[in-house]
Amino acid sequence: PDPQLVRRIVSQVEFYLSDENLAKDAFLLKHVQKNKMGFVSIKLLTSFKKVKYLTRDWRLTLYALQFSELLEVNEEGTKVRRRVPVPESLLSIPPSKLLLAWELLPQEQ
């Protein structure tokens, strides 16, 4: 694969798993919290818009992530996590709930 593409995939996934992003991304933080070891599915990350723009093949994402100095892949090659654990201050944030509200207009009769 193109080395530049590999670097772009790595930097995008490193950003997704950064403190800065996890503080704002309740969905991804919930996935990090769900796994005791902090691993997240590589297939899930590959489905994210900005990675999907680079590749739709999770195996290419797996290949690229092996070059990351900030992330490590599990033995099975299916999940990735940060080498430096997520700070407790982030992990203790309860997963936020999304509230959707619609303005209900009375139907004309």
PDB file of N, CA and C in Angstrom:
ATOM      1  N   PRO A   1       0.828  -1.214   0.000  1.00  0.00           N
ATOM      2  CA  PRO A   1       0.000   0.000   0.000  1.00  0.00           C
ATOM      3  C   PRO A   1       0.866   1.270   0.000  1.00  0.00           C
ATOM      4  N   ASP A   2       0.300   2.326  -0.483  1.00  0.00           N
ATOM      5  CA  ASP A   2       0.965   3.622  -0.559  1.00  0.00           C
ATOM      6  C   ASP A   2       1.337   4.112   0.851  1.00  0.00           C
ATOM      7  N   PRO A   3       2.637   4.396   1.098  1.00  0.00           N
ATOM      8  CA  PRO A   3       3.078   4.837   2.438  1.00  0.00           C
ATOM      9  C   PRO A   3       2.349   6.090   2.928  1.00  0.00           C
ATOM     10  N   GLN A   4       2.008   6.982   2.002  1.00  0.00           N
ATOM     11  CA  GLN A   4       1.294   8.200   2.404  1.00  0.00           C
ATOM     12  C   GLN A   4      -0.120   7.857   2.893  1.00  0.00           C
ATOM     13  N   LEU A   5      -0.766   6.916   2.231  1.00  0.00           N
ATOM     14  CA  LEU A   5      -2.093   6.467   2.642  1.00  0.00           C
ATOM     15  C   LEU A   5      -2.019   5.835   4.031  1.00  0.00           C
ATOM     16  N   VAL A   6      -0.999   5.006   4.248  1.00  0.00           N
ATOM     17  CA  VAL A   6      -0.804   4.357   5.546  1.00  0.00           C
ATOM     18  C   VAL A   6      -0.672   5.423   6.637  1.00  0.00           C
ATOM     19  N   ARG A   7       0.146   6.455   6.385  1.00  0.00           N
ATOM     20  CA  ARG A   7       0.330   7.531   7.376  1.00  0.00           C
ATOM     21  C   ARG A   7      -0.978   8.264   7.658  1.00  0.00           C
ATOM     22  N   ARG A   8      -1.768   8.488   6.618  1.00  0.00           N
ATOM     23  CA  ARG A   8      -3.038   9.208   6.798  1.00  0.00           C
ATOM     24  C   ARG A   8      -4.029   8.386   7.622  1.00  0.00           C
ATOM     25  N   ILE A   9      -4.065   7.083   7.389  1.00  0.00           N
ATOM     26  CA  ILE A   9      -4.948   6.208   8.177  1.00  0.00           C
ATOM     27  C   ILE A   9      -4.508   6.230   9.637  1.00  0.00           C
ATOM     28  N   VAL A  10      -3.200   6.081   9.864  1.00  0.00           N
ATOM     29  CA  VAL A  10      -2.667   6.073  11.228  1.00  0.00           C
ATOM     30  C   VAL A  10      -3.015   7.381  11.939  1.00  0.00           C
ATOM     31  N   SER A  11      -2.759   8.514  11.293  1.00  0.00           N
ATOM     32  CA  SER A  11      -3.008   9.782  11.986  1.00  0.00           C
ATOM     33  C   SER A  11      -4.494  10.000  12.251  1.00  0.00           C
ATOM     34  N   GLN A  12      -5.357   9.530  11.359  1.00  0.00           N
ATOM     35  CA  GLN A  12      -6.798   9.681  11.584  1.00  0.00           C
ATOM     36  C   GLN A  12      -7.254   8.846  12.775  1.00  0.00           C
ATOM     37  N   VAL A  13      -6.825   7.584  12.847  1.00  0.00           N
ATOM     38  CA  VAL A  13      -7.237   6.721  13.961  1.00  0.00           C
ATOM     39  C   VAL A  13      -6.601   7.205  15.269  1.00  0.00           C
ATOM     40  N   GLU A  14      -5.350   7.671  15.211  1.00  0.00           N
ATOM     41  CA  GLU A  14      -4.726   8.236  16.414  1.00  0.00           C
ATOM     42  C   GLU A  14      -5.536   9.430  16.914  1.00  0.00           C
ATOM     43  N   PHE A  15      -6.014  10.256  15.984  1.00  0.00           N
ATOM     44  CA  PHE A  15      -6.855  11.390  16.386  1.00  0.00           C
ATOM     45  C   PHE A  15      -8.153  10.898  17.029  1.00  0.00           C
ATOM     46  N   TYR A  16      -8.820   9.925  16.384  1.00  0.00           N
ATOM     47  CA  TYR A  16     -10.081   9.414  16.936  1.00  0.00           C
ATOM     48  C   TYR A  16      -9.907   8.961  18.383  1.00  0.00           C
ATOM     49  N   LEU A  17      -8.773   8.338  18.697  1.00  0.00           N
ATOM     50  CA  LEU A  17      -8.563   7.783  20.037  1.00  0.00           C
ATOM     51  C   LEU A  17      -7.821   8.747  20.967  1.00  0.00           C
ATOM     52  N   SER A  18      -7.668  10.001  20.553  1.00  0.00           N
ATOM     53  CA  SER A  18      -6.979  11.000  21.383  1.00  0.00           C
ATOM     54  C   SER A  18      -7.896  11.489  22.512  1.00  0.00           C
ATOM     55  N   ASP A  19      -7.276  12.000  23.589  1.00  0.00           N
ATOM     56  CA  ASP A  19      -8.050  12.578  24.700  1.00  0.00           C
ATOM     57  C   ASP A  19      -8.996  13.649  24.172  1.00  0.00           C
ATOM     58  N   GLU A  20      -8.455  14.503  23.320  1.00  0.00           N
ATOM     59  CA  GLU A  20      -9.212  15.635  22.775  1.00  0.00           C
ATOM     60  C   GLU A  20     -10.493  15.159  22.086  1.00  0.00           C
ATOM     61  N   ASN A  21     -10.387  14.122  21.251  1.00  0.00           N
ATOM     62  CA  ASN A  21     -11.559  13.643  20.530  1.00  0.00           C
ATOM     63  C   ASN A  21     -12.497  12.843  21.430  1.00  0.00           C
ATOM     64  N   LEU A  22     -11.937  11.969  22.277  1.00  0.00           N
ATOM     65  CA  LEU A  22     -12.794  11.143  23.136  1.00  0.00           C
ATOM     66  C   LEU A  22     -13.624  11.995  24.097  1.00  0.00           C
ATOM     67  N   ALA A  23     -13.106  13.164  24.472  1.00  0.00           N
ATOM     68  CA  ALA A  23     -13.855  14.058  25.362  1.00  0.00           C
ATOM     69  C   ALA A  23     -15.130  14.555  24.684  1.00  0.00           C
ATOM     70  N   LYS A  24     -15.148  14.566  23.342  1.00  0.00           N
ATOM     71  CA  LYS A  24     -16.310  15.067  22.595  1.00  0.00           C
ATOM     72  C   LYS A  24     -17.120  13.953  21.933  1.00  0.00           C
ATOM     73  N   ASP A  25     -16.529  12.769  21.784  1.00  0.00           N
ATOM     74  CA  ASP A  25     -17.164  11.688  21.023  1.00  0.00           C
ATOM     75  C   ASP A  25     -17.706  10.610  21.965  1.00  0.00           C
ATOM     76  N   ALA A  26     -18.936  10.820  22.427  1.00  0.00           N
ATOM     77  CA  ALA A  26     -19.539   9.904  23.394  1.00  0.00           C
ATOM     78  C   ALA A  26     -19.672   8.490  22.826  1.00  0.00           C
ATOM     79  N   PHE A  27     -19.962   8.384  21.543  1.00  0.00           N
ATOM     80  CA  PHE A  27     -20.130   7.071  20.911  1.00  0.00           C
ATOM     81  C   PHE A  27     -18.843   6.258  20.989  1.00  0.00           C
ATOM     82  N   LEU A  28     -17.730   6.863  20.580  1.00  0.00           N
ATOM     83  CA  LEU A  28     -16.457   6.145  20.588  1.00  0.00           C
ATOM     84  C   LEU A  28     -15.981   5.902  22.019  1.00  0.00           C
ATOM     85  N   LEU A  29     -16.174   6.877  22.900  1.00  0.00           N
ATOM     86  CA  LEU A  29     -15.777   6.709  24.300  1.00  0.00           C
ATOM     87  C   LEU A  29     -16.512   5.524  24.917  1.00  0.00           C
ATOM     88  N   LYS A  30     -17.786   5.359  24.574  1.00  0.00           N
ATOM     89  CA  LYS A  30     -18.572   4.235  25.086  1.00  0.00           C
ATOM     90  C   LYS A  30     -17.953   2.907  24.636  1.00  0.00           C
ATOM     91  N   HIS A  31     -17.474   2.859  23.402  1.00  0.00           N
ATOM     92  CA  HIS A  31     -16.833   1.638  22.907  1.00  0.00           C
ATOM     93  C   HIS A  31     -15.517   1.366  23.626  1.00  0.00           C
ATOM     94  N   VAL A  32     -14.763   2.423  23.937  1.00  0.00           N
ATOM     95  CA  VAL A  32     -13.508   2.265  24.686  1.00  0.00           C
ATOM     96  C   VAL A  32     -13.825   1.761  26.094  1.00  0.00           C
ATOM     97  N   GLN A  33     -14.867   2.322  26.714  1.00  0.00           N
ATOM     98  CA  GLN A  33     -15.254   1.934  28.074  1.00  0.00           C
ATOM     99  C   GLN A  33     -15.781   0.502  28.128  1.00  0.00           C
ATOM    100  N   LYS A  34     -16.414   0.057  27.053  1.00  0.00           N
ATOM    101  CA  LYS A  34     -17.047  -1.266  27.021  1.00  0.00           C
ATOM    102  C   LYS A  34     -16.025  -2.393  27.164  1.00  0.00           C
ATOM    103  N   ASN A  35     -14.822  -2.194  26.643  1.00  0.00           N
ATOM    104  CA  ASN A  35     -13.788  -3.221  26.692  1.00  0.00           C
ATOM    105  C   ASN A  35     -12.860  -2.925  27.868  1.00  0.00           C
ATOM    106  N   LYS A  36     -12.720  -3.896  28.782  1.00  0.00           N
ATOM    107  CA  LYS A  36     -11.901  -3.682  29.987  1.00  0.00           C
ATOM    108  C   LYS A  36     -10.483  -3.229  29.665  1.00  0.00           C
ATOM    109  N   MET A  37      -9.957  -3.700  28.543  1.00  0.00           N
ATOM    110  CA  MET A  37      -8.579  -3.377  28.168  1.00  0.00           C
ATOM    111  C   MET A  37      -8.499  -2.133  27.272  1.00  0.00           C
ATOM    112  N   GLY A  38      -9.652  -1.530  26.970  1.00  0.00           N
ATOM    113  CA  GLY A  38      -9.666  -0.305  26.172  1.00  0.00           C
ATOM    114  C   GLY A  38      -9.553  -0.516  24.671  1.00  0.00           C
ATOM    115  N   PHE A  39      -9.760  -1.760  24.216  1.00  0.00           N
ATOM    116  CA  PHE A  39      -9.674  -2.043  22.779  1.00  0.00           C
ATOM    117  C   PHE A  39     -10.961  -1.646  22.060  1.00  0.00           C
ATOM    118  N   VAL A  40     -10.804  -1.224  20.803  1.00  0.00           N
ATOM    119  CA  VAL A  40     -11.934  -0.864  19.940  1.00  0.00           C
ATOM    120  C   VAL A  40     -11.778  -1.641  18.631  1.00  0.00           C
ATOM    121  N   SER A  41     -12.883  -2.072  18.075  1.00  0.00           N
ATOM    122  CA  SER A  41     -12.884  -2.838  16.829  1.00  0.00           C
ATOM    123  C   SER A  41     -12.294  -2.040  15.662  1.00  0.00           C
ATOM    124  N   ILE A  42     -11.374  -2.666  14.948  1.00  0.00           N
ATOM    125  CA  ILE A  42     -10.784  -2.033  13.763  1.00  0.00           C
ATOM    126  C   ILE A  42     -11.849  -1.897  12.671  1.00  0.00           C
ATOM    127  N   LYS A  43     -12.753  -2.864  12.589  1.00  0.00           N
ATOM    128  CA  LYS A  43     -13.838  -2.772  11.597  1.00  0.00           C
ATOM    129  C   LYS A  43     -14.723  -1.562  11.894  1.00  0.00           C
ATOM    130  N   LEU A  44     -14.999  -1.322  13.180  1.00  0.00           N
ATOM    131  CA  LEU A  44     -15.806  -0.158  13.554  1.00  0.00           C
ATOM    132  C   LEU A  44     -15.100   1.133  13.134  1.00  0.00           C
ATOM    133  N   LEU A  45     -13.816   1.250  13.466  1.00  0.00           N
ATOM    134  CA  LEU A  45     -13.062   2.464  13.127  1.00  0.00           C
ATOM    135  C   LEU A  45     -12.978   2.665  11.613  1.00  0.00           C
ATOM    136  N   THR A  46     -12.871   1.563  10.868  1.00  0.00           N
ATOM    137  CA  THR A  46     -12.806   1.660   9.402  1.00  0.00           C
ATOM    138  C   THR A  46     -14.137   2.149   8.835  1.00  0.00           C
ATOM    139  N   SER A  47     -15.223   1.925   9.572  1.00  0.00           N
ATOM    140  CA  SER A  47     -16.540   2.367   9.089  1.00  0.00           C
ATOM    141  C   SER A  47     -16.772   3.862   9.325  1.00  0.00           C
ATOM    142  N   PHE A  48     -15.910   4.513  10.103  1.00  0.00           N
ATOM    143  CA  PHE A  48     -16.061   5.950  10.358  1.00  0.00           C
ATOM    144  C   PHE A  48     -15.760   6.720   9.078  1.00  0.00           C
ATOM    145  N   LYS A  49     -16.510   7.780   8.864  1.00  0.00           N
ATOM    146  CA  LYS A  49     -16.493   8.535   7.610  1.00  0.00           C
ATOM    147  C   LYS A  49     -15.083   8.880   7.108  1.00  0.00           C
ATOM    148  N   LYS A  50     -14.242   9.432   7.979  1.00  0.00           N
ATOM    149  CA  LYS A  50     -12.933   9.912   7.513  1.00  0.00           C
ATOM    150  C   LYS A  50     -11.960   8.782   7.222  1.00  0.00           C
ATOM    151  N   VAL A  51     -12.129   7.625   7.868  1.00  0.00           N
ATOM    152  CA  VAL A  51     -11.293   6.467   7.527  1.00  0.00           C
ATOM    153  C   VAL A  51     -11.863   5.807   6.279  1.00  0.00           C
ATOM    154  N   LYS A  52     -13.191   5.721   6.222  1.00  0.00           N
ATOM    155  CA  LYS A  52     -13.840   5.104   5.059  1.00  0.00           C
ATOM    156  C   LYS A  52     -13.479   5.847   3.773  1.00  0.00           C
ATOM    157  N   TYR A  53     -13.258   7.153   3.894  1.00  0.00           N
ATOM    158  CA  TYR A  53     -12.830   7.951   2.740  1.00  0.00           C
ATOM    159  C   TYR A  53     -11.451   7.481   2.251  1.00  0.00           C
ATOM    160  N   LEU A  54     -10.597   7.031   3.189  1.00  0.00           N
ATOM    161  CA  LEU A  54      -9.248   6.565   2.842  1.00  0.00           C
ATOM    162  C   LEU A  54      -9.252   5.103   2.399  1.00  0.00           C
ATOM    163  N   THR A  55     -10.030   4.275   3.102  1.00  0.00           N
ATOM    164  CA  THR A  55     -10.137   2.857   2.743  1.00  0.00           C
ATOM    165  C   THR A  55     -11.422   2.276   3.310  1.00  0.00           C
ATOM    166  N   ARG A  56     -11.987   1.328   2.582  1.00  0.00           N
ATOM    167  CA  ARG A  56     -13.149   0.596   3.088  1.00  0.00           C
ATOM    168  C   ARG A  56     -12.726  -0.795   3.563  1.00  0.00           C
ATOM    169  N   ASP A  57     -11.442  -1.105   3.423  1.00  0.00           N
ATOM    170  CA  ASP A  57     -10.926  -2.432   3.765  1.00  0.00           C
ATOM    171  C   ASP A  57     -10.292  -2.405   5.155  1.00  0.00           C
ATOM    172  N   TRP A  58     -10.940  -3.044   6.130  1.00  0.00           N
ATOM    173  CA  TRP A  58     -10.433  -3.026   7.499  1.00  0.00           C
ATOM    174  C   TRP A  58      -9.046  -3.660   7.584  1.00  0.00           C
ATOM    175  N   ARG A  59      -8.717  -4.548   6.633  1.00  0.00           N
ATOM    176  CA  ARG A  59      -7.386  -5.181   6.668  1.00  0.00           C
ATOM    177  C   ARG A  59      -6.291  -4.167   6.355  1.00  0.00           C
ATOM    178  N   LEU A  60      -6.604  -3.183   5.517  1.00  0.00           N
ATOM    179  CA  LEU A  60      -5.642  -2.114   5.249  1.00  0.00           C
ATOM    180  C   LEU A  60      -5.488  -1.235   6.496  1.00  0.00           C
ATOM    181  N   THR A  61      -6.593  -0.979   7.184  1.00  0.00           N
ATOM    182  CA  THR A  61      -6.519  -0.225   8.443  1.00  0.00           C
ATOM    183  C   THR A  61      -5.650  -0.984   9.440  1.00  0.00           C
ATOM    184  N   LEU A  62      -5.863  -2.289   9.558  1.00  0.00           N
ATOM    185  CA  LEU A  62      -5.045  -3.133  10.442  1.00  0.00           C
ATOM    186  C   LEU A  62      -3.571  -3.024  10.069  1.00  0.00           C
ATOM    187  N   TYR A  63      -3.265  -3.162   8.793  1.00  0.00           N
ATOM    188  CA  TYR A  63      -1.881  -3.071   8.319  1.00  0.00           C
ATOM    189  C   TYR A  63      -1.273  -1.728   8.730  1.00  0.00           C
ATOM    190  N   ALA A  64      -2.011  -0.650   8.477  1.00  0.00           N
ATOM    191  CA  ALA A  64      -1.509   0.698   8.765  1.00  0.00           C
ATOM    192  C   ALA A  64      -1.258   0.899  10.258  1.00  0.00           C
ATOM    193  N   LEU A  65      -2.183   0.410  11.089  1.00  0.00           N
ATOM    194  CA  LEU A  65      -2.081   0.652  12.533  1.00  0.00           C
ATOM    195  C   LEU A  65      -0.864  -0.016  13.159  1.00  0.00           C
ATOM    196  N   GLN A  66      -0.301  -1.005  12.490  1.00  0.00           N
ATOM    197  CA  GLN A  66       0.896  -1.652  13.017  1.00  0.00           C
ATOM    198  C   GLN A  66       2.102  -0.716  12.978  1.00  0.00           C
ATOM    199  N   PHE A  67       1.991   0.406  12.246  1.00  0.00           N
ATOM    200  CA  PHE A  67       3.078   1.382  12.165  1.00  0.00           C
ATOM    201  C   PHE A  67       2.898   2.529  13.164  1.00  0.00           C
ATOM    202  N   SER A  68       1.815   2.505  13.926  1.00  0.00           N
ATOM    203  CA  SER A  68       1.555   3.581  14.884  1.00  0.00           C
ATOM    204  C   SER A  68       2.419   3.417  16.127  1.00  0.00           C
ATOM    205  N   GLU A  69       2.962   4.531  16.597  1.00  0.00           N
ATOM    206  CA  GLU A  69       3.722   4.502  17.848  1.00  0.00           C
ATOM    207  C   GLU A  69       2.811   4.756  19.044  1.00  0.00           C
ATOM    208  N   LEU A  70       1.608   5.258  18.796  1.00  0.00           N
ATOM    209  CA  LEU A  70       0.684   5.593  19.883  1.00  0.00           C
ATOM    210  C   LEU A  70      -0.348   4.497  20.148  1.00  0.00           C
ATOM    211  N   LEU A  71      -0.531   3.611  19.161  1.00  0.00           N
ATOM    212  CA  LEU A  71      -1.576   2.594  19.260  1.00  0.00           C
ATOM    213  C   LEU A  71      -0.988   1.195  19.164  1.00  0.00           C
ATOM    214  N   GLU A  72      -1.714   0.222  19.739  1.00  0.00           N
ATOM    215  CA  GLU A  72      -1.297  -1.175  19.595  1.00  0.00           C
ATOM    216  C   GLU A  72      -2.497  -2.026  19.208  1.00  0.00           C
ATOM    217  N   VAL A  73      -2.217  -3.031  18.382  1.00  0.00           N
ATOM    218  CA  VAL A  73      -3.237  -3.943  17.871  1.00  0.00           C
ATOM    219  C   VAL A  73      -3.216  -5.204  18.732  1.00  0.00           C
ATOM    220  N   ASN A  74      -4.397  -5.790  18.985  1.00  0.00           N
ATOM    221  CA  ASN A  74      -4.434  -7.026  19.776  1.00  0.00           C
ATOM    222  C   ASN A  74      -3.860  -8.196  18.974  1.00  0.00           C
ATOM    223  N   GLU A  75      -3.600  -9.318  19.670  1.00  0.00           N
ATOM    224  CA  GLU A  75      -2.959 -10.477  19.025  1.00  0.00           C
ATOM    225  C   GLU A  75      -3.773 -11.019  17.859  1.00  0.00           C
ATOM    226  N   GLU A  76      -5.094 -10.942  17.974  1.00  0.00           N
ATOM    227  CA  GLU A  76      -5.968 -11.466  16.915  1.00  0.00           C
ATOM    228  C   GLU A  76      -6.008 -10.554  15.690  1.00  0.00           C
ATOM    229  N   GLY A  77      -5.528  -9.323  15.844  1.00  0.00           N
ATOM    230  CA  GLY A  77      -5.548  -8.387  14.719  1.00  0.00           C
ATOM    231  C   GLY A  77      -6.935  -7.856  14.409  1.00  0.00           C
ATOM    232  N   THR A  78      -7.793  -7.793  15.436  1.00  0.00           N
ATOM    233  CA  THR A  78      -9.163  -7.333  15.209  1.00  0.00           C
ATOM    234  C   THR A  78      -9.478  -6.019  15.915  1.00  0.00           C
ATOM    235  N   LYS A  79      -8.677  -5.676  16.930  1.00  0.00           N
ATOM    236  CA  LYS A  79      -8.961  -4.488  17.738  1.00  0.00           C
ATOM    237  C   LYS A  79      -7.693  -3.688  17.972  1.00  0.00           C
ATOM    238  N   VAL A  80      -7.878  -2.423  18.332  1.00  0.00           N
ATOM    239  CA  VAL A  80      -6.748  -1.525  18.576  1.00  0.00           C
ATOM    240  C   VAL A  80      -7.029  -0.725  19.847  1.00  0.00           C
ATOM    241  N   ARG A  81      -5.955  -0.343  20.537  1.00  0.00           N
ATOM    242  CA  ARG A  81      -6.094   0.533  21.702  1.00  0.00           C
ATOM    243  C   ARG A  81      -4.889   1.453  21.788  1.00  0.00           C
ATOM    244  N   ARG A  82      -4.998   2.434  22.664  1.00  0.00           N
ATOM    245  CA  ARG A  82      -3.891   3.348  22.908  1.00  0.00           C
ATOM    246  C   ARG A  82      -2.831   2.646  23.750  1.00  0.00           C
ATOM    247  N   ARG A  83      -1.566   2.965  23.511  1.00  0.00           N
ATOM    248  CA  ARG A  83      -0.501   2.438  24.372  1.00  0.00           C
ATOM    249  C   ARG A  83      -0.580   3.097  25.749  1.00  0.00           C
ATOM    250  N   VAL A  84      -0.861   4.402  25.761  1.00  0.00           N
ATOM    251  CA  VAL A  84      -1.061   5.127  27.019  1.00  0.00           C
ATOM    252  C   VAL A  84      -2.561   5.096  27.302  1.00  0.00           C
ATOM    253  N   PRO A  85      -2.960   4.503  28.441  1.00  0.00           N
ATOM    254  CA  PRO A  85      -4.397   4.352  28.716  1.00  0.00           C
ATOM    255  C   PRO A  85      -5.150   5.686  28.734  1.00  0.00           C
ATOM    256  N   VAL A  86      -6.433   5.581  28.481  1.00  0.00           N
ATOM    257  CA  VAL A  86      -7.310   6.750  28.532  1.00  0.00           C
ATOM    258  C   VAL A  86      -7.351   7.226  29.986  1.00  0.00           C
ATOM    259  N   PRO A  87      -7.213   8.535  30.233  1.00  0.00           N
ATOM    260  CA  PRO A  87      -7.231   9.038  31.615  1.00  0.00           C
ATOM    261  C   PRO A  87      -8.537   8.692  32.331  1.00  0.00           C
ATOM    262  N   GLU A  88      -8.416   8.416  33.615  1.00  0.00           N
ATOM    263  CA  GLU A  88      -9.577   8.064  34.434  1.00  0.00           C
ATOM    264  C   GLU A  88     -10.641   9.163  34.368  1.00  0.00           C
ATOM    265  N   SER A  89     -10.202  10.412  34.268  1.00  0.00           N
ATOM    266  CA  SER A  89     -11.152  11.531  34.213  1.00  0.00           C
ATOM    267  C   SER A  89     -12.089  11.413  33.009  1.00  0.00           C
ATOM    268  N   LEU A  90     -11.585  10.854  31.904  1.00  0.00           N
ATOM    269  CA  LEU A  90     -12.442  10.647  30.727  1.00  0.00           C
ATOM    270  C   LEU A  90     -13.306   9.407  30.897  1.00  0.00           C
ATOM    271  N   LEU A  91     -12.716   8.347  31.457  1.00  0.00           N
ATOM    272  CA  LEU A  91     -13.459   7.093  31.592  1.00  0.00           C
ATOM    273  C   LEU A  91     -14.622   7.221  32.562  1.00  0.00           C
ATOM    274  N   SER A  92     -14.526   8.154  33.502  1.00  0.00           N
ATOM    275  CA  SER A  92     -15.584   8.290  34.503  1.00  0.00           C
ATOM    276  C   SER A  92     -16.771   9.112  34.001  1.00  0.00           C
ATOM    277  N   ILE A  93     -16.637   9.685  32.806  1.00  0.00           N
ATOM    278  CA  ILE A  93     -17.755  10.441  32.227  1.00  0.00           C
ATOM    279  C   ILE A  93     -18.867   9.455  31.859  1.00  0.00           C
ATOM    280  N   PRO A  94     -20.062   9.638  32.417  1.00  0.00           N
ATOM    281  CA  PRO A  94     -21.139   8.716  32.034  1.00  0.00           C
ATOM    282  C   PRO A  94     -21.489   8.923  30.565  1.00  0.00           C
ATOM    283  N   PRO A  95     -21.720   7.836  29.838  1.00  0.00           N
ATOM    284  CA  PRO A  95     -22.082   7.991  28.423  1.00  0.00           C
ATOM    285  C   PRO A  95     -23.298   8.907  28.306  1.00  0.00           C
ATOM    286  N   SER A  96     -23.165   9.928  27.490  1.00  0.00           N
ATOM    287  CA  SER A  96     -24.255  10.908  27.389  1.00  0.00           C
ATOM    288  C   SER A  96     -25.437  10.318  26.634  1.00  0.00           C
ATOM    289  N   LYS A  97     -26.576  10.856  26.929  1.00  0.00           N
ATOM    290  CA  LYS A  97     -27.792  10.413  26.243  1.00  0.00           C
ATOM    291  C   LYS A  97     -28.217  11.524  25.293  1.00  0.00           C
ATOM    292  N   LEU A  98     -28.575  11.139  24.120  1.00  0.00           N
ATOM    293  CA  LEU A  98     -28.995  12.098  23.107  1.00  0.00           C
ATOM    294  C   LEU A  98     -30.501  12.282  23.212  1.00  0.00           C
ATOM    295  N   LEU A  99     -30.897  13.519  23.334  1.00  0.00           N
ATOM    296  CA  LEU A  99     -32.322  13.806  23.426  1.00  0.00           C
ATOM    297  C   LEU A  99     -32.776  14.456  22.123  1.00  0.00           C
ATOM    298  N   LEU A 100     -33.728  13.850  21.490  1.00  0.00           N
ATOM    299  CA  LEU A 100     -34.274  14.413  20.256  1.00  0.00           C
ATOM    300  C   LEU A 100     -35.667  14.948  20.553  1.00  0.00           C
ATOM    301  N   ALA A 101     -35.935  16.151  20.116  1.00  0.00           N
ATOM    302  CA  ALA A 101     -37.264  16.726  20.330  1.00  0.00           C
ATOM    303  C   ALA A 101     -37.790  17.273  19.009  1.00  0.00           C
ATOM    304  N   TRP A 102     -39.027  17.016  18.754  1.00  0.00           N
ATOM    305  CA  TRP A 102     -39.669  17.536  17.551  1.00  0.00           C
ATOM    306  C   TRP A 102     -40.768  18.494  17.982  1.00  0.00           C
ATOM    307  N   GLU A 103     -40.969  19.505  17.169  1.00  0.00           N
ATOM    308  CA  GLU A 103     -42.092  20.402  17.412  1.00  0.00           C
ATOM    309  C   GLU A 103     -43.292  19.751  16.734  1.00  0.00           C
ATOM    310  N   LEU A 104     -44.251  19.387  17.524  1.00  0.00           N
ATOM    311  CA  LEU A 104     -45.425  18.721  16.966  1.00  0.00           C
ATOM    312  C   LEU A 104     -46.487  19.765  16.639  1.00  0.00           C
ATOM    313  N   LEU A 105     -46.804  19.851  15.384  1.00  0.00           N
ATOM    314  CA  LEU A 105     -47.815  20.811  14.947  1.00  0.00           C
ATOM    315  C   LEU A 105     -49.151  20.094  14.820  1.00  0.00           C
ATOM    316  N   PRO A 106     -50.218  20.746  15.296  1.00  0.00           N
ATOM    317  CA  PRO A 106     -51.528  20.096  15.143  1.00  0.00           C
ATOM    318  C   PRO A 106     -51.861  19.940  13.660  1.00  0.00           C
ATOM    319  N   GLN A 107     -52.416  18.810  13.323  1.00  0.00           N
ATOM    320  CA  GLN A 107     -52.766  18.574  11.922  1.00  0.00           C
ATOM    321  C   GLN A 107     -53.958  19.438  11.529  1.00  0.00           C
ATOM    322  N   GLU A 108     -53.884  19.928  10.309  1.00  0.00           N
ATOM    323  CA  GLU A 108     -55.018  20.724   9.815  1.00  0.00           C
ATOM    324  C   GLU A 108     -56.198  19.796   9.555  1.00  0.00           C
ATOM    325  N   GLN A 109     -57.400  20.308   9.868  1.00  0.00           N
ATOM    326  CA  GLN A 109     -58.573  19.451   9.680  1.00  0.00           C
ATOM    327  C   GLN A 109     -59.508  19.998   8.643  1.00  0.00           C
TER     328      GLN A 109
END
